[in-house]
Amino acid sequence: MADTKREIERKYELPVRAGDNARPALPDLTRVPGVSSLFDRGVVELDAVYYDTADLRLAADKLTLRRRTGGADEGWHLKFPVSTGIRDEIQAPLADTVPDELAALLRSRLRGSALIPVVRLRSSREVTHLSGADGELLAEVSVDTVRAERLTGMPGRVTAWAEVEVELGDGADPAILDAVEKKLRKAGLRPAAAPSKLSRALAETAPEGAVDGSAVRTEPLTAGDHVLAYIRAQAEAITAQDPAVRRDLPDAVHQMRVATRRMRSAFRTYRRILDRSVTDPIADELKWLAGELGVDRDHEVLAERITARLDALPGTLVLGPVRARAQIWNAAGSTDSRSATVAVLDGERYLALLKSVDALLADPPLRKGADGPPDKALPKAILKDYGRLAGRIEHALALRPGEERDVALHEARKAAKRARYAGEAAKPVLGRPAKRFAERMKAVQTVLGDHQDSVVAREALRALAVKAHAAGETAFTWGLLYGQEEAHAEDRERELPEVWAESSDRKWRAALAG
């Protein structure tokens, strides 16, 4: 079973004089503020083999996968970057092959490619614990003497260096890292240029003349360049959120779903730039994936809305076994969301979708309009989406309140979301006008979205009332909540014309069009 640990550490260069066979010495840390005592934990010999694809796909995304022997935590370690100096380390027991739970977390990046050993690092680690007044571990300071050997690309190439690692103790104040760094800097040490041992080893053992392809990305110039850059960003977001969804991290499903919708929206908005015969099948699969990701999330949002309404009622208005029925309904509508979602991510259809996006980015189906200047092509596409939204809102507002109008407002909501995404995609080109446009479309989308949520809630409340009545229970409370949602929807409908008027100002349209 894999365990997860948040690793917060800093690395420093530790020069070793040529011909000096002595172990590099750690600067004196006895007077670091907050440190009461230092404990020498001895020397540990570590032997780690790092795995990656032949094209070093994991290293390009700053991920590391290793099998390490020696030390208290020997086994398989998979590290995901969180921010500078912070990584999540997922540990699994020592085995001959990559544990299934770690391989699954890499599926979106591997795309079926094999993992092979790329670098072997053998480190002699001298460990010192810095403790506070109560004996708590503040930080672990390690002096590492490292020897790295390349195993693929140019096998046999070696390099060596020494470094200091300072890792924050569990629950310790991160300020201790600043205090230790101050002492190390006074002793002449400087932060390491490489973010990890692996990245340094790969750089220093690379074949002569090798170029790090992961760092090569030309600036977008044409309209096609900018659209592809936006689509690539969404593809990278889907890939990055995949392991987060599998780990059940907060908001991961939502963020992955948003990325699929943004990409699909871009295909539709910029159809004069990308060939629809290629993008339409991918858009269909993106719609499928978003739907699969949203099944349990949609029910969860609805349940939270109904529960909040119920909690806001005075106790005297909650008649009958209302809460029990709500709990039964919620349980019946929920599934094991994580296992269902992970099953989708483990499926071949999902993997085929990822590969189809890879193929599109590798060989983009560009149309003639892709070669045009982005400050001309992108505003045209945005204003076309805006025109579609305007038509749908005008149609909806012309209808009498009721089911037909509810459907029309829902269609307008989808158009508002598409227009918003179009504006967000154009921000690198158009700057503030595109940002303001996206913000105003979001305001429209918010009103329409709240209205649609009320429509869905009323459908659920009516069904609950019917079941309560059939069971001989009073349906009073369900009817009351239904009425509240109906009034809420009417408020949103009255609010919409004003929000729409603010969002359809001709000045921003002129600024957007240049």
Protein backbone atom coordinates (compact mmCIF):
# COMPACT_ATOMS: atom_id res chain seq x y z
CA MET A 1 0.00 0.00 0.00
CA ALA A 2 1.44 3.39 -1.02
CA ASP A 3 1.90 6.20 1.52
CA THR A 4 2.09 9.91 0.74
CA LYS A 5 4.40 12.42 2.38
CA ARG A 6 4.71 16.17 1.76
CA GLU A 7 8.42 16.88 1.28
CA ILE A 8 9.59 20.44 1.94
CA GLU A 9 13.30 20.84 1.41
CA ARG A 10 16.08 23.04 0.09
CA LYS A 11 19.31 22.01 -1.61
CA TYR A 12 22.72 23.71 -1.57
CA GLU A 13 25.93 23.30 -3.51
CA LEU A 14 28.82 21.98 -1.45
CA PRO A 15 32.12 22.33 -3.31
CA VAL A 16 34.73 19.63 -2.84
CA ARG A 17 38.39 20.52 -3.39
CA ALA A 18 40.10 18.55 -6.11
CA GLY A 19 42.07 15.66 -4.66
CA ASP A 20 40.36 15.98 -1.26
CA ASN A 21 39.28 12.49 -0.20
CA ALA A 22 37.75 13.66 3.07
CA ARG A 23 33.98 13.74 3.46
CA PRO A 24 32.62 17.28 2.91
CA ALA A 25 31.92 18.94 6.26
CA LEU A 26 28.63 20.51 7.31
CA PRO A 27 28.95 24.15 8.45
CA ASP A 28 28.38 24.81 12.15
CA LEU A 29 24.61 24.97 12.82
CA THR A 30 24.70 25.03 16.61
CA ARG A 31 23.62 28.68 16.80
CA VAL A 32 20.70 28.56 14.40
CA PRO A 33 17.82 30.41 16.16
CA GLY A 34 15.31 27.96 17.61
CA VAL A 35 17.70 25.00 17.54
CA SER A 36 18.49 23.58 20.97
CA SER A 37 20.48 20.51 20.01
CA LEU A 38 22.03 18.63 17.11
CA PHE A 39 22.00 14.84 16.85
CA ASP A 40 24.41 12.97 14.61
CA ARG A 41 22.44 10.13 12.98
CA GLY A 42 25.44 8.62 11.25
CA VAL A 43 26.06 7.77 7.62
CA VAL A 44 23.65 5.92 5.34
CA GLU A 45 24.58 4.37 2.00
CA LEU A 46 21.81 4.82 -0.59
CA ASP A 47 21.52 3.17 -4.00
CA ALA A 48 18.75 4.46 -6.26
CA VAL A 49 17.80 3.64 -9.84
CA TYR A 50 15.60 6.23 -11.56
CA TYR A 51 13.07 5.22 -14.20
CA ASP A 52 11.62 7.17 -17.11
CA THR A 53 10.57 6.74 -20.71
CA ALA A 54 13.19 6.65 -23.46
CA ASP A 55 12.38 10.29 -24.27
CA LEU A 56 12.54 11.30 -20.57
CA ARG A 57 8.88 12.30 -20.40
CA LEU A 58 8.73 12.24 -16.61
CA ALA A 59 11.82 14.39 -16.21
CA ALA A 60 10.32 16.94 -18.61
CA ASP A 61 7.36 17.27 -16.22
CA LYS A 62 9.69 17.37 -13.18
CA LEU A 63 8.49 14.00 -11.90
CA THR A 64 10.83 11.41 -10.45
CA LEU A 65 10.34 7.68 -10.05
CA ARG A 66 13.01 5.67 -8.31
CA ARG A 67 13.70 2.32 -6.67
CA ARG A 68 16.00 2.89 -3.72
CA THR A 69 17.70 0.57 -1.28
CA GLY A 70 19.30 1.68 1.96
CA GLY A 71 17.90 4.03 4.55
CA ALA A 72 14.73 3.82 6.64
CA ASP A 73 12.42 4.45 3.69
CA GLU A 74 13.83 2.10 1.08
CA GLY A 75 11.35 1.16 -1.61
CA TRP A 76 9.74 2.82 -4.62
CA HIS A 77 9.30 6.60 -4.51
CA LEU A 78 7.26 8.73 -6.93
CA LYS A 79 7.54 12.50 -6.50
CA PHE A 80 5.15 15.13 -7.87
CA PRO A 81 6.10 18.83 -7.81
CA VAL A 82 3.77 21.07 -5.80
CA SER A 83 5.74 24.31 -5.85
CA THR A 84 9.36 25.39 -5.58
CA GLY A 85 11.04 23.22 -2.96
CA ILE A 86 7.84 21.30 -2.20
CA ARG A 87 6.97 17.86 -3.55
CA ASP A 88 4.53 15.11 -2.71
CA GLU A 89 6.39 11.83 -2.30
CA ILE A 90 4.35 8.66 -2.72
CA GLN A 91 6.09 5.62 -1.31
CA ALA A 92 5.49 1.94 -2.02
CA PRO A 93 7.27 -1.14 -0.64
CA LEU A 94 10.41 -2.47 -2.28
CA ALA A 95 9.69 -4.77 -5.24
CA ASP A 96 11.42 -5.84 -8.43
CA THR A 97 8.97 -4.01 -10.71
CA VAL A 98 7.09 -0.72 -10.54
CA PRO A 99 4.13 -1.14 -8.14
CA ASP A 100 0.75 -0.99 -9.87
CA GLU A 101 -0.47 1.94 -7.76
CA LEU A 102 2.50 4.07 -8.87
CA ALA A 103 2.24 2.97 -12.51
CA ALA A 104 -1.44 4.03 -12.53
CA LEU A 105 -0.50 7.54 -11.39
CA LEU A 106 1.78 7.83 -14.42
CA ARG A 107 -0.64 6.45 -17.03
CA SER A 108 -1.66 9.82 -18.45
CA ARG A 109 1.99 10.66 -19.09
CA LEU A 110 3.25 7.30 -20.27
CA ARG A 111 0.49 6.77 -22.88
CA GLY A 112 1.53 3.11 -23.02
CA SER A 113 5.28 3.79 -23.29
CA ALA A 114 7.62 1.56 -21.30
CA LEU A 115 9.53 2.66 -18.21
CA ILE A 116 13.24 1.97 -18.34
CA PRO A 117 16.14 2.64 -15.93
CA VAL A 118 17.86 5.89 -16.94
CA VAL A 119 20.17 6.88 -14.08
CA ARG A 120 21.73 5.21 -11.06
CA LEU A 121 22.62 7.37 -8.07
CA ARG A 122 24.78 6.07 -5.24
CA SER A 123 24.93 8.46 -2.31
CA SER A 124 26.79 8.44 0.97
CA ARG A 125 24.56 10.47 3.29
CA GLU A 126 25.64 11.95 6.61
CA VAL A 127 22.49 12.87 8.57
CA THR A 128 22.09 15.42 11.36
CA HIS A 129 18.84 16.21 13.16
CA LEU A 130 18.13 19.74 14.39
CA SER A 131 15.85 19.64 17.43
CA GLY A 132 13.94 22.29 19.37
CA ALA A 133 13.66 22.88 23.10
CA ASP A 134 11.03 20.17 23.52
CA GLY A 135 13.03 17.66 21.52
CA GLU A 136 10.84 17.95 18.42
CA LEU A 137 12.52 17.48 15.04
CA LEU A 138 12.80 20.85 13.32
CA ALA A 139 14.78 19.78 10.28
CA GLU A 140 16.95 17.00 8.92
CA VAL A 141 20.21 18.17 7.41
CA SER A 142 22.03 15.78 5.09
CA VAL A 143 25.46 16.02 3.53
CA ASP A 144 25.34 13.89 0.38
CA THR A 145 28.32 12.72 -1.60
CA VAL A 146 26.81 11.58 -4.89
CA ARG A 147 28.01 9.49 -7.80
CA ALA A 148 25.66 9.33 -10.81
CA GLU A 149 25.88 6.87 -13.71
CA ARG A 150 23.89 7.16 -16.93
CA LEU A 151 22.11 3.94 -17.86
CA THR A 152 20.50 4.95 -21.16
CA GLY A 153 21.28 7.38 -23.98
CA MET A 154 25.00 7.28 -23.23
CA PRO A 155 25.43 4.41 -20.76
CA GLY A 156 28.54 4.51 -18.62
CA ARG A 157 28.88 8.29 -18.42
CA VAL A 158 29.39 9.32 -14.80
CA THR A 159 29.49 12.47 -12.72
CA ALA A 160 29.93 13.25 -9.02
CA TRP A 161 29.21 16.08 -6.64
CA ALA A 162 28.41 16.94 -3.03
CA GLU A 163 25.39 18.81 -1.73
CA VAL A 164 23.48 19.68 1.41
CA GLU A 165 19.77 18.95 1.79
CA VAL A 166 17.69 20.59 4.49
CA GLU A 167 14.28 18.94 4.91
CA LEU A 168 11.59 20.38 7.16
CA GLY A 169 10.46 18.15 10.02
CA ASP A 170 6.83 17.06 10.10
CA GLY A 171 4.72 19.87 11.55
CA ALA A 172 7.71 22.18 12.05
CA ASP A 173 7.63 25.91 11.33
CA PRO A 174 9.00 26.55 7.80
CA ALA A 175 10.84 29.58 9.22
CA ILE A 176 13.54 27.18 10.41
CA LEU A 177 14.52 26.68 6.77
CA ASP A 178 15.23 30.39 6.41
CA ALA A 179 17.30 30.37 9.60
CA VAL A 180 19.38 27.41 8.43
CA GLU A 181 19.84 28.94 5.00
CA LYS A 182 21.20 32.12 6.55
CA LYS A 183 23.89 30.10 8.32
CA LEU A 184 24.73 28.09 5.20
CA ARG A 185 25.04 31.23 3.09
CA LYS A 186 27.38 32.77 5.64
CA ALA A 187 29.51 29.63 5.28
CA GLY A 188 29.69 30.21 1.53
CA LEU A 189 27.06 27.74 0.36
CA ARG A 190 24.60 28.71 -2.35
CA PRO A 191 21.25 27.20 -3.41
CA ALA A 192 21.66 24.37 -5.89
CA ALA A 193 21.04 25.29 -9.51
CA ALA A 194 19.36 21.95 -10.24
CA PRO A 195 15.97 21.28 -8.59
CA SER A 196 16.81 17.61 -7.96
CA LYS A 197 19.64 15.11 -8.04
CA LEU A 198 18.08 13.45 -11.06
CA SER A 199 17.92 16.64 -13.12
CA ARG A 200 21.57 17.37 -12.35
CA ALA A 201 22.61 13.82 -13.19
CA LEU A 202 20.76 13.89 -16.50
CA ALA A 203 22.28 17.24 -17.44
CA GLU A 204 25.85 16.28 -16.53
CA THR A 205 25.77 12.83 -18.16
CA ALA A 206 23.91 13.84 -21.32
CA PRO A 207 25.51 12.86 -24.66
CA GLU A 208 27.72 15.53 -26.22
CA GLY A 209 25.66 18.06 -28.15
CA ALA A 210 22.36 16.81 -26.73
CA VAL A 211 19.59 19.39 -26.53
CA ASP A 212 16.96 19.40 -23.80
CA GLY A 213 13.87 19.28 -26.00
CA SER A 214 11.55 19.86 -23.06
CA ALA A 215 12.79 23.43 -22.80
CA VAL A 216 12.32 24.26 -26.49
CA ARG A 217 9.04 25.99 -27.22
CA THR A 218 8.84 28.82 -29.73
CA GLU A 219 6.77 31.92 -29.08
CA PRO A 220 3.37 31.85 -30.82
CA LEU A 221 3.20 34.20 -33.78
CA THR A 222 0.20 33.33 -35.93
CA ALA A 223 -3.43 32.82 -34.99
CA GLY A 224 -2.85 29.08 -35.33
CA ASP A 225 0.12 29.23 -32.96
CA HIS A 226 -1.98 30.89 -30.26
CA VAL A 227 -4.91 28.51 -30.59
CA LEU A 228 -2.58 25.51 -30.45
CA ALA A 229 -0.83 26.95 -27.39
CA TYR A 230 -4.19 27.21 -25.63
CA ILE A 231 -5.16 23.66 -26.59
CA ARG A 232 -1.76 22.39 -25.47
CA ALA A 233 -2.27 24.08 -22.09
CA GLN A 234 -5.59 22.26 -21.66
CA ALA A 235 -4.02 18.95 -22.69
CA GLU A 236 -1.29 19.47 -20.10
CA ALA A 237 -3.93 20.31 -17.48
CA ILE A 238 -5.79 17.06 -18.18
CA THR A 239 -2.55 15.11 -17.91
CA ALA A 240 -1.55 16.86 -14.68
CA GLN A 241 -4.96 16.44 -13.05
CA ASP A 242 -5.16 12.71 -13.86
CA PRO A 243 -2.98 11.57 -10.91
CA ALA A 244 -4.63 14.19 -8.68
CA VAL A 245 -8.05 12.69 -9.48
CA ARG A 246 -6.71 9.21 -8.74
CA ARG A 247 -5.37 10.46 -5.40
CA ASP A 248 -8.76 12.03 -4.65
CA LEU A 249 -7.26 15.50 -4.14
CA PRO A 250 -9.66 18.42 -3.59
CA ASP A 251 -11.13 20.01 -6.74
CA ALA A 252 -9.15 17.71 -9.04
CA VAL A 253 -12.20 16.27 -10.83
CA HIS A 254 -13.62 19.75 -11.37
CA GLN A 255 -10.34 21.10 -12.77
CA MET A 256 -9.93 18.14 -15.11
CA ARG A 257 -13.51 18.55 -16.31
CA VAL A 258 -12.96 22.28 -16.94
CA ALA A 259 -9.88 21.53 -19.05
CA THR A 260 -11.85 19.10 -21.24
CA ARG A 261 -14.58 21.70 -21.71
CA ARG A 262 -12.13 24.46 -22.57
CA MET A 263 -10.44 22.35 -25.20
CA ARG A 264 -13.75 21.30 -26.72
CA SER A 265 -14.92 24.91 -26.73
CA ALA A 266 -11.74 26.03 -28.48
CA PHE A 267 -12.30 23.49 -31.24
CA ARG A 268 -15.75 24.93 -31.85
CA THR A 269 -14.79 28.61 -31.55
CA TYR A 270 -11.74 28.39 -33.78
CA ARG A 271 -13.11 26.14 -36.51
CA ARG A 272 -11.76 28.56 -39.14
CA ILE A 273 -8.29 27.77 -37.83
CA LEU A 274 -8.51 24.02 -37.15
CA ASP A 275 -10.09 21.47 -39.50
CA ARG A 276 -13.37 20.21 -38.03
CA SER A 277 -13.03 16.82 -39.69
CA VAL A 278 -10.18 16.20 -37.24
CA THR A 279 -11.36 18.14 -34.20
CA ASP A 280 -15.03 17.06 -34.15
CA PRO A 281 -14.32 13.40 -33.26
CA ILE A 282 -11.96 14.54 -30.50
CA ALA A 283 -14.57 17.02 -29.25
CA ASP A 284 -17.11 14.20 -29.03
CA GLU A 285 -14.71 12.20 -26.87
CA LEU A 286 -14.01 15.23 -24.69
CA LYS A 287 -17.75 15.61 -24.17
CA TRP A 288 -17.92 11.95 -23.13
CA LEU A 289 -15.05 12.38 -20.66
CA ALA A 290 -16.55 15.53 -19.13
CA GLY A 291 -19.84 13.69 -18.73
CA GLU A 292 -18.18 10.76 -16.99
CA LEU A 293 -16.28 13.06 -14.66
CA GLY A 294 -19.41 15.02 -13.80
CA VAL A 295 -21.91 12.29 -12.89
CA ASP A 296 -21.26 12.26 -9.17
CA ARG A 297 -20.12 15.87 -8.95
CA ASP A 298 -23.43 17.12 -10.35
CA HIS A 299 -25.38 15.08 -7.82
CA GLU A 300 -23.10 16.29 -5.02
CA VAL A 301 -23.71 19.95 -5.94
CA LEU A 302 -27.46 19.36 -6.11
CA ALA A 303 -27.47 17.59 -2.74
CA GLU A 304 -25.51 20.45 -1.15
CA ARG A 305 -28.00 22.96 -2.54
CA ILE A 306 -31.05 21.11 -1.24
CA THR A 307 -29.41 20.48 2.15
CA ALA A 308 -28.54 24.18 2.49
CA ARG A 309 -32.14 25.15 1.71
CA LEU A 310 -33.40 22.63 4.23
CA ASP A 311 -30.99 23.79 6.94
CA ALA A 312 -32.12 27.40 6.47
CA LEU A 313 -35.75 26.55 7.28
CA PRO A 314 -37.12 27.12 10.80
CA GLY A 315 -37.68 23.83 12.59
CA THR A 316 -41.41 24.48 12.70
CA LEU A 317 -41.55 24.24 8.89
CA VAL A 318 -39.73 20.91 8.65
CA LEU A 319 -42.63 18.47 8.83
CA GLY A 320 -42.29 14.71 8.62
CA PRO A 321 -39.15 12.58 8.09
CA VAL A 322 -37.71 15.11 5.65
CA ARG A 323 -34.05 14.75 6.57
CA ALA A 324 -34.19 10.97 6.53
CA ARG A 325 -35.77 11.02 3.07
CA ALA A 326 -33.13 13.49 1.87
CA GLN A 327 -30.38 11.19 3.13
CA ILE A 328 -31.94 8.17 1.40
CA TRP A 329 -32.25 10.15 -1.86
CA ASN A 330 -28.66 11.35 -1.61
CA ALA A 331 -27.33 7.85 -0.97
CA ALA A 332 -29.34 6.42 -3.86
CA GLY A 333 -28.07 9.09 -6.25
CA SER A 334 -24.44 8.76 -5.24
CA THR A 335 -22.03 6.10 -6.37
CA ASP A 336 -18.51 5.37 -5.35
CA SER A 337 -17.40 8.37 -7.37
CA ARG A 338 -13.67 7.83 -7.04
CA SER A 339 -13.71 4.17 -8.10
CA ALA A 340 -16.09 4.92 -10.98
CA THR A 341 -13.94 7.82 -12.17
CA VAL A 342 -10.70 5.86 -11.83
CA ALA A 343 -12.25 3.06 -13.89
CA VAL A 344 -12.80 5.59 -16.69
CA LEU A 345 -9.18 6.79 -16.43
CA ASP A 346 -7.98 3.19 -16.57
CA GLY A 347 -9.99 2.48 -19.72
CA GLU A 348 -8.69 2.24 -23.27
CA ARG A 349 -11.14 4.86 -24.54
CA TYR A 350 -9.59 7.52 -22.31
CA LEU A 351 -6.07 6.54 -23.35
CA ALA A 352 -7.10 6.71 -27.01
CA LEU A 353 -8.42 10.24 -26.42
CA LEU A 354 -5.10 11.36 -24.94
CA LYS A 355 -3.23 9.89 -27.89
CA SER A 356 -5.55 11.59 -30.38
CA VAL A 357 -4.82 14.95 -28.76
CA ASP A 358 -1.10 14.16 -28.90
CA ALA A 359 -1.44 13.42 -32.61
CA LEU A 360 -3.33 16.66 -33.24
CA LEU A 361 -0.66 18.74 -31.50
CA ALA A 362 2.13 16.89 -33.29
CA ASP A 363 0.56 17.41 -36.72
CA PRO A 364 -2.03 20.21 -36.39
CA PRO A 365 -4.89 20.20 -38.95
CA LEU A 366 -4.47 23.90 -39.72
CA ARG A 367 -6.71 25.72 -42.16
CA LYS A 368 -5.86 28.79 -44.23
CA GLY A 369 -7.01 31.14 -41.45
CA ALA A 370 -4.32 29.78 -39.12
CA ASP A 371 -1.61 31.77 -40.90
CA GLY A 372 -3.32 35.11 -40.25
CA PRO A 373 -2.39 37.62 -37.55
CA PRO A 374 -3.88 36.63 -34.20
CA ASP A 375 -5.11 40.16 -33.37
CA LYS A 376 -7.46 39.89 -36.36
CA ALA A 377 -8.54 36.26 -36.39
CA LEU A 378 -9.18 35.81 -32.67
CA PRO A 379 -11.48 38.84 -32.18
CA LYS A 380 -13.58 37.69 -35.14
CA ALA A 381 -14.06 34.28 -33.55
CA ILE A 382 -14.85 35.82 -30.15
CA LEU A 383 -17.41 38.25 -31.56
CA LYS A 384 -19.06 35.41 -33.47
CA ASP A 385 -19.48 33.51 -30.20
CA TYR A 386 -20.80 36.68 -28.63
CA GLY A 387 -23.33 37.06 -31.44
CA ARG A 388 -24.54 33.50 -30.86
CA LEU A 389 -24.96 34.26 -27.15
CA ALA A 390 -26.83 37.51 -27.88
CA GLY A 391 -29.27 35.70 -30.14
CA ARG A 392 -29.96 33.02 -27.53
CA ILE A 393 -30.50 35.51 -24.72
CA GLU A 394 -32.83 37.66 -26.81
CA HIS A 395 -34.79 34.54 -27.79
CA ALA A 396 -35.05 33.37 -24.17
CA LEU A 397 -36.14 36.76 -22.83
CA ALA A 398 -38.84 37.00 -25.49
CA LEU A 399 -40.47 33.80 -24.24
CA ARG A 400 -43.04 33.60 -21.48
CA PRO A 401 -41.85 32.12 -18.18
CA GLY A 402 -42.08 28.37 -18.18
CA GLU A 403 -40.41 25.21 -19.39
CA GLU A 404 -39.65 26.50 -22.89
CA ARG A 405 -37.95 29.58 -21.47
CA ASP A 406 -35.98 27.46 -18.97
CA VAL A 407 -34.61 25.38 -21.84
CA ALA A 408 -33.73 28.51 -23.82
CA LEU A 409 -31.92 30.04 -20.85
CA HIS A 410 -29.95 26.81 -20.41
CA GLU A 411 -28.85 27.01 -24.07
CA ALA A 412 -27.83 30.63 -23.45
CA ARG A 413 -25.80 29.49 -20.46
CA LYS A 414 -23.80 27.10 -22.63
CA ALA A 415 -23.20 29.87 -25.16
CA ALA A 416 -22.03 32.22 -22.37
CA LYS A 417 -19.52 29.62 -21.18
CA ARG A 418 -18.21 29.18 -24.70
CA ALA A 419 -17.84 32.94 -25.17
CA ARG A 420 -16.04 33.22 -21.83
CA TYR A 421 -13.58 30.49 -22.75
CA ALA A 422 -12.97 32.18 -26.10
CA GLY A 423 -12.07 35.39 -24.31
CA GLU A 424 -9.76 33.58 -21.91
CA ALA A 425 -7.98 31.88 -24.80
CA ALA A 426 -7.34 35.26 -26.45
CA LYS A 427 -5.88 37.02 -23.38
CA PRO A 428 -2.23 36.41 -24.39
CA VAL A 429 -2.94 38.23 -27.67
CA LEU A 430 -5.54 40.87 -26.84
CA GLY A 431 -4.70 41.54 -23.22
CA ARG A 432 -7.09 43.63 -21.13
CA PRO A 433 -10.00 43.77 -23.65
CA ALA A 434 -10.12 39.96 -23.77
CA LYS A 435 -9.83 39.76 -19.97
CA ARG A 436 -12.74 42.18 -19.50
CA PHE A 437 -14.79 40.32 -22.07
CA ALA A 438 -14.19 37.00 -20.30
CA GLU A 439 -15.12 38.55 -16.94
CA ARG A 440 -18.39 39.92 -18.31
CA MET A 441 -19.28 36.66 -19.96
CA LYS A 442 -18.59 34.92 -16.66
CA ALA A 443 -21.05 37.29 -14.95
CA VAL A 444 -23.72 36.32 -17.48
CA GLN A 445 -22.83 32.65 -17.13
CA THR A 446 -23.12 32.88 -13.33
CA VAL A 447 -26.67 34.23 -13.46
CA LEU A 448 -27.74 31.69 -16.06
CA GLY A 449 -25.98 28.88 -14.21
CA ASP A 450 -27.72 29.70 -10.94
CA HIS A 451 -31.03 29.74 -12.81
CA GLN A 452 -30.33 26.31 -14.31
CA ASP A 453 -29.30 24.91 -10.93
CA SER A 454 -32.67 26.06 -9.62
CA VAL A 455 -34.46 24.30 -12.48
CA VAL A 456 -32.64 21.05 -11.71
CA ALA A 457 -33.28 21.45 -7.98
CA ARG A 458 -37.01 21.90 -8.58
CA GLU A 459 -37.13 18.69 -10.59
CA ALA A 460 -35.47 16.82 -7.71
CA LEU A 461 -37.72 18.44 -5.10
CA ARG A 462 -40.85 17.51 -7.00
CA ALA A 463 -39.68 13.90 -7.23
CA LEU A 464 -39.01 13.89 -3.49
CA ALA A 465 -42.47 15.31 -2.81
CA VAL A 466 -44.11 12.63 -4.97
CA LYS A 467 -42.27 9.86 -3.09
CA ALA A 468 -43.13 11.39 0.27
CA HIS A 469 -46.80 11.63 -0.65
CA ALA A 470 -46.84 8.03 -1.93
CA ALA A 471 -45.38 6.88 1.40
CA GLY A 472 -48.12 8.67 3.34
CA GLU A 473 -45.82 11.48 4.48
CA THR A 474 -46.65 15.16 4.30
CA ALA A 475 -45.10 16.86 1.27
CA PHE A 476 -45.40 20.32 2.83
CA THR A 477 -41.68 20.95 3.32
CA TRP A 478 -40.76 19.74 -0.16
CA GLY A 479 -43.39 22.04 -1.64
CA LEU A 480 -42.05 24.94 0.41
CA LEU A 481 -38.51 24.34 -0.87
CA TYR A 482 -39.88 24.05 -4.41
CA GLY A 483 -41.51 27.44 -4.03
CA GLN A 484 -38.28 28.97 -2.75
CA GLU A 485 -36.39 27.65 -5.76
CA GLU A 486 -39.09 28.93 -8.08
CA ALA A 487 -38.83 32.40 -6.54
CA HIS A 488 -35.02 32.21 -6.76
CA ALA A 489 -35.20 31.41 -10.47
CA GLU A 490 -37.58 34.31 -11.05
CA ASP A 491 -35.09 36.61 -9.31
CA ARG A 492 -32.36 35.45 -11.65
CA GLU A 493 -34.60 36.02 -14.68
CA ARG A 494 -35.31 39.57 -13.50
CA GLU A 495 -31.60 40.13 -12.91
CA LEU A 496 -30.51 38.85 -16.33
CA PRO A 497 -31.48 41.87 -18.51
CA GLU A 498 -29.40 44.24 -16.36
CA VAL A 499 -26.38 41.92 -16.27
CA TRP A 500 -26.67 41.36 -20.00
CA ALA A 501 -26.89 45.10 -20.67
CA GLU A 502 -23.66 45.65 -18.74
CA SER A 503 -21.99 42.83 -20.65
CA SER A 504 -23.04 44.03 -24.09
CA ASP A 505 -21.52 47.52 -23.90
CA ARG A 506 -20.36 48.60 -27.35
CA LYS A 507 -17.17 50.18 -25.96
CA TRP A 508 -15.55 46.90 -25.01
CA ARG A 509 -16.63 45.38 -28.31
CA ALA A 510 -14.83 48.19 -30.13
CA ALA A 511 -11.75 47.67 -27.96
CA LEU A 512 -11.82 43.94 -28.63
CA ALA A 513 -12.04 44.45 -32.37
CA GLY A 514 -9.21 46.97 -32.27
